[in-house]
N, C-alpha and C. Protein backbone atom coordinates (compact mmCIF):
# COMPACT_ATOMS: atom_id res chain seq x y z
N MET A 1 -8.01 -47.39 11.33
CA MET A 1 -9.31 -46.82 11.02
C MET A 1 -10.39 -47.87 11.25
N SER A 2 -11.54 -47.43 11.69
CA SER A 2 -12.65 -48.34 11.91
C SER A 2 -13.78 -47.97 10.97
N ASP A 3 -14.56 -49.00 10.59
CA ASP A 3 -15.68 -48.73 9.70
C ASP A 3 -16.99 -48.88 10.44
N GLN A 4 -17.98 -48.07 10.03
CA GLN A 4 -19.31 -48.14 10.59
C GLN A 4 -20.28 -48.14 9.43
N THR A 5 -21.53 -48.51 9.68
CA THR A 5 -22.53 -48.56 8.62
C THR A 5 -23.73 -47.73 9.01
N TYR A 6 -24.15 -46.82 8.13
CA TYR A 6 -25.35 -46.02 8.30
C TYR A 6 -26.29 -46.37 7.16
N GLY A 7 -27.40 -47.05 7.47
CA GLY A 7 -28.29 -47.51 6.41
C GLY A 7 -27.55 -48.49 5.53
N ASN A 8 -27.52 -48.19 4.24
CA ASN A 8 -26.84 -49.06 3.29
C ASN A 8 -25.47 -48.53 2.89
N VAL A 9 -24.99 -47.50 3.62
CA VAL A 9 -23.74 -46.86 3.25
C VAL A 9 -22.66 -47.18 4.28
N ALA A 10 -21.54 -47.72 3.83
CA ALA A 10 -20.40 -47.98 4.71
C ALA A 10 -19.50 -46.76 4.72
N VAL A 11 -19.15 -46.28 5.91
CA VAL A 11 -18.26 -45.12 6.03
C VAL A 11 -17.10 -45.49 6.94
N PHE A 12 -16.09 -44.69 6.90
CA PHE A 12 -14.89 -44.97 7.66
C PHE A 12 -14.55 -43.83 8.60
N ASP A 13 -14.07 -44.17 9.78
CA ASP A 13 -13.57 -43.18 10.72
C ASP A 13 -12.13 -42.89 10.33
N THR A 14 -11.89 -41.69 9.81
CA THR A 14 -10.57 -41.37 9.26
C THR A 14 -9.69 -40.65 10.27
N ARG A 15 -10.02 -40.72 11.55
CA ARG A 15 -9.19 -40.06 12.56
C ARG A 15 -7.79 -40.66 12.54
N PRO A 16 -6.76 -39.82 12.36
CA PRO A 16 -5.39 -40.36 12.33
C PRO A 16 -4.93 -40.76 13.72
N GLU A 17 -3.95 -41.63 13.77
CA GLU A 17 -3.37 -41.99 15.05
C GLU A 17 -2.69 -40.78 15.68
N LYS A 18 -2.73 -40.68 17.00
CA LYS A 18 -2.24 -39.49 17.69
C LYS A 18 -0.73 -39.29 17.55
N ASP A 19 0.01 -40.38 17.30
CA ASP A 19 1.46 -40.25 17.24
C ASP A 19 1.95 -39.88 15.84
N ILE A 20 1.02 -39.64 14.90
CA ILE A 20 1.42 -39.22 13.56
C ILE A 20 1.64 -37.72 13.56
N ALA A 21 2.83 -37.29 13.18
CA ALA A 21 3.16 -35.86 13.19
C ALA A 21 2.36 -35.12 12.12
N THR A 22 1.90 -33.92 12.45
CA THR A 22 1.19 -33.08 11.49
C THR A 22 1.99 -31.81 11.25
N GLU A 23 1.89 -31.26 10.05
CA GLU A 23 2.59 -30.04 9.70
C GLU A 23 1.63 -29.05 9.07
N SER A 24 1.78 -27.81 9.45
CA SER A 24 1.01 -26.74 8.84
C SER A 24 1.36 -26.63 7.36
N PRO A 25 0.40 -26.24 6.51
CA PRO A 25 0.73 -25.99 5.11
C PRO A 25 1.80 -24.91 4.92
N LEU A 26 2.00 -24.08 5.94
CA LEU A 26 2.99 -23.02 5.85
C LEU A 26 4.29 -23.38 6.57
N SER A 27 4.45 -24.62 6.97
CA SER A 27 5.62 -25.01 7.76
C SER A 27 6.93 -24.79 7.01
N VAL A 28 6.94 -25.06 5.70
CA VAL A 28 8.16 -24.88 4.93
C VAL A 28 8.58 -23.41 4.94
N ALA A 29 7.62 -22.52 4.70
CA ALA A 29 7.93 -21.09 4.70
C ALA A 29 8.41 -20.64 6.08
N TYR A 30 7.79 -21.18 7.13
CA TYR A 30 8.22 -20.83 8.48
C TYR A 30 9.65 -21.30 8.73
N HIS A 31 9.97 -22.53 8.33
CA HIS A 31 11.30 -23.08 8.56
C HIS A 31 12.38 -22.30 7.80
N GLN A 32 11.98 -21.70 6.70
CA GLN A 32 12.94 -20.92 5.92
C GLN A 32 13.14 -19.53 6.51
N GLY A 33 12.44 -19.24 7.60
CA GLY A 33 12.62 -17.96 8.28
C GLY A 33 11.92 -16.80 7.62
N ASN A 34 11.02 -17.09 6.68
CA ASN A 34 10.33 -16.02 5.95
C ASN A 34 9.04 -15.65 6.67
N ALA A 35 9.16 -15.22 7.92
CA ALA A 35 7.98 -14.88 8.73
C ALA A 35 8.31 -13.68 9.61
N PRO A 36 8.22 -12.47 9.08
CA PRO A 36 8.53 -11.28 9.87
C PRO A 36 7.60 -11.13 11.06
N LYS A 37 8.16 -10.85 12.21
CA LYS A 37 7.35 -10.71 13.42
C LYS A 37 6.60 -9.38 13.41
N PRO A 38 5.41 -9.35 13.98
CA PRO A 38 4.67 -8.08 14.08
C PRO A 38 5.43 -7.08 14.95
N THR A 39 5.35 -5.82 14.58
CA THR A 39 5.95 -4.74 15.36
C THR A 39 4.89 -3.69 15.61
N GLN A 40 5.24 -2.64 16.34
CA GLN A 40 4.31 -1.55 16.59
C GLN A 40 3.94 -0.83 15.30
N GLN A 41 4.76 -0.98 14.27
CA GLN A 41 4.49 -0.32 13.00
C GLN A 41 3.68 -1.21 12.04
N SER A 42 3.42 -2.45 12.43
CA SER A 42 2.68 -3.36 11.55
C SER A 42 1.22 -2.90 11.43
N GLN A 43 0.81 -2.62 10.20
CA GLN A 43 -0.57 -2.23 9.94
C GLN A 43 -1.42 -3.41 9.50
N VAL A 44 -0.77 -4.54 9.27
CA VAL A 44 -1.46 -5.79 8.97
C VAL A 44 -0.76 -6.90 9.74
N VAL A 45 -1.55 -7.76 10.38
CA VAL A 45 -1.00 -8.94 11.05
C VAL A 45 -1.64 -10.18 10.45
N LEU A 46 -0.80 -11.12 10.06
CA LEU A 46 -1.25 -12.38 9.47
C LEU A 46 -1.06 -13.49 10.50
N GLU A 47 -2.08 -14.31 10.66
CA GLU A 47 -1.97 -15.46 11.57
C GLU A 47 -2.67 -16.67 10.95
N GLU A 48 -1.92 -17.74 10.79
CA GLU A 48 -2.55 -18.98 10.32
C GLU A 48 -3.22 -19.67 11.49
N LYS A 49 -4.40 -20.24 11.22
CA LYS A 49 -5.10 -21.07 12.20
C LYS A 49 -5.13 -22.49 11.63
N PRO A 50 -4.01 -23.23 11.80
CA PRO A 50 -3.92 -24.55 11.20
C PRO A 50 -4.66 -25.61 12.01
N PHE A 51 -4.86 -26.75 11.39
CA PHE A 51 -5.36 -27.96 12.07
C PHE A 51 -6.80 -27.80 12.58
N LEU A 52 -7.57 -26.89 11.99
CA LEU A 52 -8.98 -26.81 12.33
C LEU A 52 -9.73 -27.93 11.61
N GLY A 53 -10.94 -28.21 12.05
CA GLY A 53 -11.77 -29.20 11.39
C GLY A 53 -12.64 -28.55 10.33
N HIS A 54 -12.53 -29.01 9.08
CA HIS A 54 -13.29 -28.45 7.96
C HIS A 54 -14.20 -29.55 7.41
N LEU A 55 -15.49 -29.37 7.49
CA LEU A 55 -16.45 -30.31 6.92
C LEU A 55 -17.29 -29.60 5.87
N ILE A 56 -17.42 -30.21 4.70
CA ILE A 56 -18.29 -29.68 3.65
C ILE A 56 -19.56 -30.51 3.64
N LEU A 57 -20.69 -29.85 3.83
CA LEU A 57 -21.99 -30.51 3.86
C LEU A 57 -22.76 -30.20 2.58
N ARG A 58 -23.40 -31.22 2.02
CA ARG A 58 -24.25 -31.01 0.85
C ARG A 58 -25.56 -31.74 1.07
N GLY A 59 -26.63 -31.08 0.64
CA GLY A 59 -27.95 -31.68 0.79
C GLY A 59 -29.02 -30.60 0.89
N GLY A 60 -30.23 -31.01 1.21
CA GLY A 60 -31.34 -30.07 1.35
C GLY A 60 -31.17 -29.19 2.58
N ALA A 61 -31.49 -27.91 2.43
CA ALA A 61 -31.28 -26.96 3.52
C ALA A 61 -32.11 -27.30 4.75
N ILE A 62 -33.32 -27.74 4.58
CA ILE A 62 -34.20 -27.98 5.73
C ILE A 62 -33.68 -29.13 6.58
N VAL A 63 -33.36 -30.25 5.94
CA VAL A 63 -32.91 -31.42 6.71
C VAL A 63 -31.53 -31.16 7.31
N LEU A 64 -30.65 -30.48 6.58
CA LEU A 64 -29.32 -30.19 7.12
C LEU A 64 -29.40 -29.18 8.27
N ASP A 65 -30.27 -28.20 8.13
CA ASP A 65 -30.40 -27.20 9.20
C ASP A 65 -30.85 -27.86 10.50
N GLU A 66 -31.80 -28.76 10.41
CA GLU A 66 -32.28 -29.45 11.61
C GLU A 66 -31.17 -30.27 12.25
N ALA A 67 -30.38 -30.97 11.43
CA ALA A 67 -29.30 -31.79 11.97
C ALA A 67 -28.21 -30.93 12.58
N VAL A 68 -27.82 -29.85 11.92
CA VAL A 68 -26.77 -28.98 12.44
C VAL A 68 -27.21 -28.31 13.73
N ARG A 69 -28.47 -27.91 13.82
CA ARG A 69 -28.98 -27.30 15.06
C ARG A 69 -28.96 -28.30 16.21
N ASP A 70 -29.35 -29.53 15.94
CA ASP A 70 -29.38 -30.54 17.00
C ASP A 70 -27.99 -30.96 17.44
N VAL A 71 -27.06 -31.06 16.50
CA VAL A 71 -25.74 -31.59 16.80
C VAL A 71 -24.75 -30.49 17.20
N LEU A 72 -24.82 -29.34 16.50
CA LEU A 72 -23.83 -28.29 16.72
C LEU A 72 -24.39 -27.11 17.51
N GLY A 73 -25.71 -27.05 17.65
CA GLY A 73 -26.32 -25.98 18.43
C GLY A 73 -26.40 -24.65 17.70
N MET A 74 -26.32 -24.67 16.38
CA MET A 74 -26.45 -23.44 15.59
C MET A 74 -27.13 -23.76 14.27
N SER A 75 -27.70 -22.73 13.65
CA SER A 75 -28.44 -22.91 12.41
C SER A 75 -27.58 -22.60 11.20
N LEU A 76 -27.99 -23.10 10.04
CA LEU A 76 -27.36 -22.69 8.81
C LEU A 76 -27.63 -21.21 8.58
N PRO A 77 -26.71 -20.49 7.92
CA PRO A 77 -26.97 -19.08 7.61
C PRO A 77 -28.28 -18.92 6.85
N GLY A 78 -29.02 -17.88 7.20
CA GLY A 78 -30.34 -17.69 6.62
C GLY A 78 -30.36 -16.96 5.30
N ARG A 79 -29.18 -16.52 4.81
CA ARG A 79 -29.14 -15.79 3.54
C ARG A 79 -27.95 -16.28 2.72
N PRO A 80 -28.02 -16.14 1.40
CA PRO A 80 -26.90 -16.54 0.55
C PRO A 80 -25.62 -15.82 0.94
N LEU A 81 -24.52 -16.53 0.86
CA LEU A 81 -23.19 -16.02 1.20
C LEU A 81 -23.06 -15.63 2.66
N GLY A 82 -23.95 -16.18 3.49
CA GLY A 82 -23.92 -15.86 4.92
C GLY A 82 -22.87 -16.65 5.67
N LEU A 83 -22.40 -16.06 6.78
CA LEU A 83 -21.42 -16.69 7.66
C LEU A 83 -21.92 -16.54 9.09
N ALA A 84 -22.08 -17.65 9.80
CA ALA A 84 -22.60 -17.62 11.17
C ALA A 84 -21.61 -18.28 12.11
N HIS A 85 -21.50 -17.75 13.32
CA HIS A 85 -20.63 -18.30 14.36
C HIS A 85 -21.45 -18.64 15.60
N ASP A 86 -20.92 -19.56 16.42
CA ASP A 86 -21.56 -19.82 17.70
C ASP A 86 -21.12 -18.75 18.69
N SER A 87 -21.62 -18.84 19.92
CA SER A 87 -21.35 -17.81 20.91
C SER A 87 -19.87 -17.69 21.27
N SER A 88 -19.12 -18.78 21.12
CA SER A 88 -17.69 -18.76 21.44
C SER A 88 -16.85 -18.19 20.30
N GLY A 89 -17.42 -18.15 19.10
CA GLY A 89 -16.67 -17.69 17.94
C GLY A 89 -15.74 -18.74 17.36
N GLU A 90 -15.70 -19.94 17.94
CA GLU A 90 -14.77 -20.97 17.49
C GLU A 90 -15.35 -21.89 16.43
N ARG A 91 -16.66 -21.86 16.27
CA ARG A 91 -17.32 -22.74 15.30
C ARG A 91 -18.13 -21.90 14.34
N SER A 92 -18.06 -22.24 13.07
CA SER A 92 -18.76 -21.43 12.07
C SER A 92 -19.40 -22.30 11.02
N VAL A 93 -20.44 -21.75 10.41
CA VAL A 93 -21.11 -22.38 9.27
C VAL A 93 -21.22 -21.33 8.17
N GLN A 94 -20.79 -21.68 6.98
CA GLN A 94 -20.78 -20.74 5.86
C GLN A 94 -21.59 -21.30 4.69
N TRP A 95 -22.43 -20.45 4.10
CA TRP A 95 -23.17 -20.80 2.89
C TRP A 95 -22.23 -20.68 1.70
N ILE A 96 -22.03 -21.76 0.94
CA ILE A 96 -21.15 -21.74 -0.22
C ILE A 96 -21.95 -21.69 -1.51
N SER A 97 -22.97 -22.55 -1.63
CA SER A 97 -23.83 -22.60 -2.80
C SER A 97 -25.20 -23.07 -2.35
N PRO A 98 -26.20 -23.10 -3.23
CA PRO A 98 -27.56 -23.42 -2.79
C PRO A 98 -27.70 -24.69 -1.95
N ASP A 99 -26.84 -25.68 -2.17
CA ASP A 99 -26.96 -26.92 -1.38
C ASP A 99 -25.64 -27.30 -0.73
N GLU A 100 -24.79 -26.31 -0.45
CA GLU A 100 -23.45 -26.61 0.07
C GLU A 100 -23.06 -25.64 1.18
N TRP A 101 -22.53 -26.19 2.27
CA TRP A 101 -22.11 -25.38 3.41
C TRP A 101 -20.75 -25.87 3.91
N LEU A 102 -19.97 -24.93 4.45
CA LEU A 102 -18.68 -25.25 5.05
C LEU A 102 -18.78 -25.04 6.56
N VAL A 103 -18.48 -26.09 7.31
CA VAL A 103 -18.48 -26.03 8.77
C VAL A 103 -17.04 -26.10 9.24
N ILE A 104 -16.62 -25.15 10.07
CA ILE A 104 -15.28 -25.15 10.64
C ILE A 104 -15.38 -25.18 12.15
N VAL A 105 -14.67 -26.14 12.76
CA VAL A 105 -14.71 -26.34 14.21
C VAL A 105 -13.28 -26.51 14.73
N PRO A 106 -13.07 -26.42 16.04
CA PRO A 106 -11.73 -26.67 16.59
C PRO A 106 -11.21 -28.05 16.17
N GLY A 107 -9.92 -28.13 15.93
CA GLY A 107 -9.32 -29.37 15.47
C GLY A 107 -9.60 -30.54 16.38
N GLY A 108 -9.99 -31.66 15.80
CA GLY A 108 -10.31 -32.87 16.55
C GLY A 108 -11.80 -33.09 16.70
N GLU A 109 -12.58 -32.00 16.69
CA GLU A 109 -14.03 -32.14 16.84
C GLU A 109 -14.70 -32.68 15.59
N GLU A 110 -14.02 -32.53 14.44
CA GLU A 110 -14.68 -32.84 13.18
C GLU A 110 -15.02 -34.32 13.03
N PHE A 111 -14.24 -35.20 13.64
CA PHE A 111 -14.49 -36.64 13.49
C PHE A 111 -15.79 -37.04 14.19
N ASP A 112 -15.93 -36.62 15.44
CA ASP A 112 -17.16 -36.92 16.18
C ASP A 112 -18.35 -36.20 15.56
N LEU A 113 -18.13 -34.94 15.11
CA LEU A 113 -19.21 -34.18 14.51
C LEU A 113 -19.73 -34.86 13.25
N GLU A 114 -18.83 -35.34 12.42
CA GLU A 114 -19.26 -36.02 11.19
C GLU A 114 -20.09 -37.26 11.52
N ASN A 115 -19.64 -38.06 12.45
CA ASN A 115 -20.38 -39.27 12.80
C ASN A 115 -21.75 -38.95 13.39
N ARG A 116 -21.81 -37.91 14.23
CA ARG A 116 -23.10 -37.53 14.83
C ARG A 116 -24.06 -36.97 13.78
N LEU A 117 -23.53 -36.22 12.82
CA LEU A 117 -24.39 -35.71 11.75
C LEU A 117 -24.91 -36.86 10.89
N ARG A 118 -24.05 -37.80 10.56
CA ARG A 118 -24.49 -38.94 9.75
C ARG A 118 -25.59 -39.72 10.48
N GLU A 119 -25.41 -39.90 11.78
CA GLU A 119 -26.42 -40.62 12.55
C GLU A 119 -27.74 -39.86 12.56
N LYS A 120 -27.64 -38.54 12.73
CA LYS A 120 -28.85 -37.72 12.78
C LYS A 120 -29.56 -37.66 11.43
N LEU A 121 -28.80 -37.60 10.34
CA LEU A 121 -29.38 -37.47 9.01
C LEU A 121 -29.96 -38.78 8.50
N GLY A 122 -29.47 -39.90 9.01
CA GLY A 122 -30.06 -41.19 8.67
C GLY A 122 -30.10 -41.46 7.18
N ASP A 123 -31.32 -41.67 6.64
CA ASP A 123 -31.50 -42.04 5.24
C ASP A 123 -31.72 -40.84 4.33
N ALA A 124 -31.57 -39.62 4.84
CA ALA A 124 -31.73 -38.44 4.00
C ALA A 124 -30.65 -38.41 2.92
N HIS A 125 -30.92 -37.67 1.85
CA HIS A 125 -29.93 -37.53 0.78
C HIS A 125 -28.96 -36.42 1.17
N PHE A 126 -27.70 -36.77 1.40
CA PHE A 126 -26.72 -35.80 1.85
C PHE A 126 -25.32 -36.33 1.54
N ALA A 127 -24.35 -35.45 1.68
CA ALA A 127 -22.94 -35.83 1.56
C ALA A 127 -22.15 -35.00 2.55
N ILE A 128 -21.18 -35.64 3.20
CA ILE A 128 -20.28 -34.94 4.12
C ILE A 128 -18.85 -35.29 3.72
N LEU A 129 -18.06 -34.25 3.49
CA LEU A 129 -16.66 -34.43 3.12
C LEU A 129 -15.78 -33.79 4.17
N ASN A 130 -14.87 -34.55 4.74
CA ASN A 130 -13.90 -34.01 5.69
C ASN A 130 -12.72 -33.48 4.88
N ALA A 131 -12.65 -32.14 4.77
CA ALA A 131 -11.59 -31.49 3.99
C ALA A 131 -10.50 -30.91 4.88
N SER A 132 -10.45 -31.33 6.14
CA SER A 132 -9.54 -30.71 7.12
C SER A 132 -8.09 -30.74 6.69
N GLY A 133 -7.63 -31.86 6.14
CA GLY A 133 -6.23 -31.96 5.75
C GLY A 133 -5.90 -31.21 4.48
N GLY A 134 -6.91 -30.80 3.74
CA GLY A 134 -6.68 -30.16 2.45
C GLY A 134 -6.87 -28.66 2.47
N GLN A 135 -7.17 -28.09 3.65
CA GLN A 135 -7.42 -26.66 3.73
C GLN A 135 -6.77 -26.09 4.99
N THR A 136 -6.53 -24.80 4.97
CA THR A 136 -6.09 -24.08 6.16
C THR A 136 -6.75 -22.72 6.17
N LEU A 137 -6.72 -22.07 7.32
CA LEU A 137 -7.35 -20.76 7.47
C LEU A 137 -6.30 -19.74 7.88
N VAL A 138 -6.27 -18.62 7.17
CA VAL A 138 -5.36 -17.52 7.46
C VAL A 138 -6.18 -16.29 7.84
N GLU A 139 -5.83 -15.70 8.96
CA GLU A 139 -6.55 -14.51 9.45
C GLU A 139 -5.72 -13.26 9.19
N LEU A 140 -6.37 -12.21 8.71
CA LEU A 140 -5.75 -10.91 8.51
C LEU A 140 -6.44 -9.88 9.39
N SER A 141 -5.66 -9.11 10.11
CA SER A 141 -6.21 -8.06 10.95
C SER A 141 -5.32 -6.83 10.86
N GLY A 142 -5.82 -5.71 11.35
CA GLY A 142 -5.05 -4.47 11.29
C GLY A 142 -5.71 -3.44 10.40
N GLU A 143 -5.32 -2.20 10.55
CA GLU A 143 -5.98 -1.09 9.87
C GLU A 143 -5.84 -1.13 8.35
N LYS A 144 -4.84 -1.83 7.83
CA LYS A 144 -4.64 -1.89 6.38
C LYS A 144 -4.98 -3.26 5.80
N ALA A 145 -5.69 -4.10 6.56
CA ALA A 145 -6.04 -5.44 6.07
C ALA A 145 -6.91 -5.34 4.82
N ARG A 146 -7.87 -4.42 4.82
CA ARG A 146 -8.74 -4.30 3.65
C ARG A 146 -7.95 -3.82 2.43
N GLU A 147 -7.01 -2.88 2.65
CA GLU A 147 -6.20 -2.40 1.53
C GLU A 147 -5.35 -3.53 0.95
N LEU A 148 -4.86 -4.41 1.81
CA LEU A 148 -4.09 -5.55 1.32
C LEU A 148 -4.97 -6.46 0.46
N LEU A 149 -6.20 -6.68 0.88
CA LEU A 149 -7.11 -7.50 0.09
C LEU A 149 -7.44 -6.83 -1.24
N MET A 150 -7.53 -5.52 -1.23
CA MET A 150 -7.81 -4.79 -2.48
C MET A 150 -6.71 -5.01 -3.50
N LYS A 151 -5.50 -5.28 -3.05
CA LYS A 151 -4.38 -5.56 -3.94
C LYS A 151 -4.37 -7.02 -4.40
N SER A 152 -5.16 -7.86 -3.77
CA SER A 152 -5.04 -9.30 -3.95
C SER A 152 -6.24 -9.95 -4.62
N VAL A 153 -7.44 -9.37 -4.49
CA VAL A 153 -8.64 -9.98 -5.05
C VAL A 153 -9.40 -8.96 -5.88
N PRO A 154 -10.10 -9.40 -6.95
CA PRO A 154 -10.90 -8.47 -7.74
C PRO A 154 -12.25 -8.16 -7.11
N TYR A 155 -12.63 -8.90 -6.08
CA TYR A 155 -13.92 -8.71 -5.45
C TYR A 155 -13.94 -7.38 -4.68
N ASP A 156 -15.09 -6.72 -4.67
CA ASP A 156 -15.25 -5.44 -3.98
C ASP A 156 -15.38 -5.68 -2.48
N VAL A 157 -14.34 -5.33 -1.73
CA VAL A 157 -14.34 -5.56 -0.29
C VAL A 157 -14.72 -4.32 0.50
N HIS A 158 -15.30 -3.32 -0.16
CA HIS A 158 -15.81 -2.16 0.58
C HIS A 158 -16.88 -2.64 1.56
N PRO A 159 -16.93 -2.07 2.77
CA PRO A 159 -17.91 -2.52 3.77
C PRO A 159 -19.35 -2.52 3.27
N ALA A 160 -19.68 -1.62 2.34
CA ALA A 160 -21.04 -1.59 1.82
C ALA A 160 -21.38 -2.84 1.04
N ASN A 161 -20.36 -3.46 0.43
CA ASN A 161 -20.57 -4.66 -0.35
C ASN A 161 -20.13 -5.93 0.38
N PHE A 162 -19.24 -5.77 1.33
CA PHE A 162 -18.70 -6.92 2.05
C PHE A 162 -18.78 -6.67 3.55
N PRO A 163 -19.99 -6.74 4.11
CA PRO A 163 -20.17 -6.47 5.54
C PRO A 163 -19.77 -7.66 6.40
N VAL A 164 -19.74 -7.44 7.70
CA VAL A 164 -19.51 -8.53 8.65
C VAL A 164 -20.58 -9.59 8.46
N GLY A 165 -20.16 -10.86 8.48
CA GLY A 165 -21.09 -11.97 8.32
C GLY A 165 -21.29 -12.41 6.88
N LYS A 166 -20.39 -11.97 5.99
CA LYS A 166 -20.47 -12.39 4.59
C LYS A 166 -19.23 -13.19 4.24
N ALA A 167 -19.38 -14.14 3.30
CA ALA A 167 -18.27 -14.98 2.86
C ALA A 167 -18.46 -15.31 1.39
N VAL A 168 -17.39 -15.21 0.62
CA VAL A 168 -17.49 -15.42 -0.82
C VAL A 168 -16.28 -16.21 -1.32
N SER A 169 -16.47 -16.90 -2.42
CA SER A 169 -15.37 -17.55 -3.12
C SER A 169 -14.79 -16.53 -4.10
N VAL A 170 -13.47 -16.37 -4.09
CA VAL A 170 -12.84 -15.33 -4.89
C VAL A 170 -11.62 -15.87 -5.62
N VAL A 171 -11.23 -15.14 -6.66
CA VAL A 171 -9.91 -15.33 -7.26
C VAL A 171 -8.92 -14.57 -6.38
N PHE A 172 -7.89 -15.26 -5.92
CA PHE A 172 -6.87 -14.63 -5.09
C PHE A 172 -5.55 -14.73 -5.83
N ALA A 173 -5.00 -13.53 -6.21
CA ALA A 173 -3.81 -13.52 -7.05
C ALA A 173 -4.12 -14.38 -8.27
N LYS A 174 -3.38 -15.45 -8.51
CA LYS A 174 -3.69 -16.33 -9.64
C LYS A 174 -4.23 -17.68 -9.16
N SER A 175 -4.67 -17.72 -7.92
CA SER A 175 -5.24 -18.95 -7.37
C SER A 175 -6.67 -18.66 -6.94
N SER A 176 -7.17 -19.39 -5.99
CA SER A 176 -8.53 -19.18 -5.51
C SER A 176 -8.57 -19.32 -3.99
N ALA A 177 -9.59 -18.73 -3.39
CA ALA A 177 -9.72 -18.78 -1.94
C ALA A 177 -11.17 -18.51 -1.56
N ILE A 178 -11.48 -18.79 -0.31
CA ILE A 178 -12.75 -18.35 0.27
C ILE A 178 -12.42 -17.18 1.19
N LEU A 179 -13.06 -16.06 0.95
CA LEU A 179 -12.83 -14.85 1.73
C LEU A 179 -14.01 -14.64 2.67
N ARG A 180 -13.73 -14.46 3.96
CA ARG A 180 -14.77 -14.33 4.98
C ARG A 180 -14.51 -13.09 5.83
N ARG A 181 -15.60 -12.50 6.32
CA ARG A 181 -15.44 -11.37 7.22
C ARG A 181 -16.21 -11.66 8.51
N PRO A 182 -15.55 -12.24 9.51
CA PRO A 182 -16.22 -12.61 10.75
C PRO A 182 -16.46 -11.44 11.70
N SER A 183 -15.70 -10.35 11.57
CA SER A 183 -15.87 -9.20 12.47
C SER A 183 -15.37 -7.95 11.77
N GLU A 184 -15.59 -6.80 12.40
CA GLU A 184 -15.15 -5.54 11.82
C GLU A 184 -13.65 -5.49 11.64
N GLU A 185 -12.91 -6.11 12.56
CA GLU A 185 -11.45 -5.98 12.58
C GLU A 185 -10.73 -7.09 11.84
N ARG A 186 -11.43 -8.18 11.49
CA ARG A 186 -10.73 -9.35 10.96
C ARG A 186 -11.32 -9.83 9.64
N TYR A 187 -10.45 -10.36 8.81
CA TYR A 187 -10.84 -11.07 7.60
C TYR A 187 -10.19 -12.45 7.66
N GLU A 188 -10.80 -13.41 6.97
CA GLU A 188 -10.26 -14.77 6.94
C GLU A 188 -10.16 -15.24 5.50
N LEU A 189 -9.11 -15.99 5.22
CA LEU A 189 -8.94 -16.65 3.93
C LEU A 189 -8.87 -18.16 4.19
N VAL A 190 -9.79 -18.90 3.60
CA VAL A 190 -9.73 -20.36 3.64
C VAL A 190 -9.03 -20.79 2.36
N LEU A 191 -7.87 -21.41 2.51
CA LEU A 191 -7.00 -21.72 1.38
C LEU A 191 -6.84 -23.22 1.20
N ARG A 192 -6.80 -23.65 -0.05
CA ARG A 192 -6.43 -25.03 -0.32
C ARG A 192 -4.98 -25.24 0.07
N ARG A 193 -4.68 -26.40 0.60
CA ARG A 193 -3.32 -26.67 1.08
C ARG A 193 -2.28 -26.44 -0.02
N SER A 194 -2.60 -26.84 -1.24
CA SER A 194 -1.63 -26.72 -2.33
C SER A 194 -1.39 -25.27 -2.73
N PHE A 195 -2.30 -24.36 -2.38
CA PHE A 195 -2.14 -22.94 -2.71
C PHE A 195 -1.60 -22.13 -1.54
N ALA A 196 -1.57 -22.70 -0.34
CA ALA A 196 -1.32 -21.93 0.87
C ALA A 196 0.03 -21.23 0.86
N ASP A 197 1.09 -21.94 0.49
CA ASP A 197 2.43 -21.35 0.51
C ASP A 197 2.51 -20.19 -0.48
N TYR A 198 1.95 -20.38 -1.67
CA TYR A 198 1.95 -19.33 -2.68
C TYR A 198 1.19 -18.10 -2.19
N CYS A 199 0.00 -18.31 -1.63
CA CYS A 199 -0.80 -17.18 -1.14
C CYS A 199 -0.11 -16.46 0.01
N TYR A 200 0.53 -17.23 0.87
CA TYR A 200 1.27 -16.64 1.99
C TYR A 200 2.39 -15.72 1.48
N ARG A 201 3.15 -16.21 0.53
CA ARG A 201 4.25 -15.41 -0.01
C ARG A 201 3.72 -14.17 -0.74
N TRP A 202 2.59 -14.33 -1.41
CA TRP A 202 1.96 -13.17 -2.06
C TRP A 202 1.59 -12.12 -1.01
N LEU A 203 0.98 -12.55 0.07
CA LEU A 203 0.55 -11.62 1.12
C LEU A 203 1.75 -10.90 1.74
N LEU A 204 2.84 -11.62 1.96
CA LEU A 204 4.03 -10.97 2.51
C LEU A 204 4.56 -9.91 1.56
N ASP A 205 4.57 -10.23 0.27
CA ASP A 205 5.08 -9.27 -0.71
C ASP A 205 4.14 -8.08 -0.84
N ALA A 206 2.83 -8.35 -0.99
CA ALA A 206 1.86 -7.26 -1.15
C ALA A 206 1.71 -6.45 0.12
N GLY A 207 1.98 -7.06 1.28
CA GLY A 207 1.81 -6.37 2.55
C GLY A 207 3.06 -5.71 3.07
N GLU A 208 4.14 -5.77 2.31
CA GLU A 208 5.40 -5.21 2.79
C GLU A 208 5.27 -3.72 3.08
N GLU A 209 4.54 -2.99 2.22
CA GLU A 209 4.41 -1.55 2.43
C GLU A 209 3.62 -1.22 3.70
N PHE A 210 2.88 -2.19 4.20
CA PHE A 210 2.11 -1.98 5.43
C PHE A 210 2.83 -2.53 6.66
N GLY A 211 4.07 -2.98 6.48
CA GLY A 211 4.82 -3.54 7.61
C GLY A 211 4.21 -4.82 8.12
N ILE A 212 3.70 -5.66 7.22
CA ILE A 212 3.01 -6.88 7.64
C ILE A 212 3.86 -7.73 8.58
N GLY A 213 3.23 -8.26 9.60
CA GLY A 213 3.90 -9.15 10.53
C GLY A 213 3.14 -10.46 10.63
N VAL A 214 3.86 -11.52 10.95
CA VAL A 214 3.27 -12.86 11.05
C VAL A 214 3.24 -13.30 12.50
N LYS A 215 2.06 -13.55 13.01
CA LYS A 215 1.89 -14.01 14.38
C LYS A 215 1.90 -15.52 14.39
N ARG A 216 2.79 -16.12 15.23
CA ARG A 216 2.91 -17.57 15.29
C ARG A 216 2.75 -18.04 16.72
């Protein structure tokens, strides 16, 4: 790891060496063979999107919005609980709380992105946390995806209350998750690594009646 200095703050480049093996939070469940393949009868399909870059940004909305627009080419969501994507759909920014946002980018981009944001923000009051190793993203799609969520979270996921472009923190089963709706057909769960295996097994059990399949 190499260290750099921005103003009076010393930071570290935490990019791991390329020869270090990485494992999905769901790797144990996969190795145990507990991953039913999707079939024509599957009304819900689950797919983990592991190894993405997760950065949590904290600070003033105005200064962060300017930096994110200059570095990432997109703005912070303009409304509470908003979720915005770039034109490719691979990068997103989510409003978490009044001074907190979650940025998700393709794996590997987060290291350069963090350094570029720090350089752009300079002496502003802000914090950036690389949470990539501690979180994973699970995608749910299919005609019964909403019904599966209705069995799993107390939050009202009816389209009138949970439209496309909204993201909320929810109680999931007996754990917690971030629930996002990036499109009409898909929902996303951002899970803490320590909860991922439990949530996955819950989804398989709750989704059995819908013929849930796991895309790998």
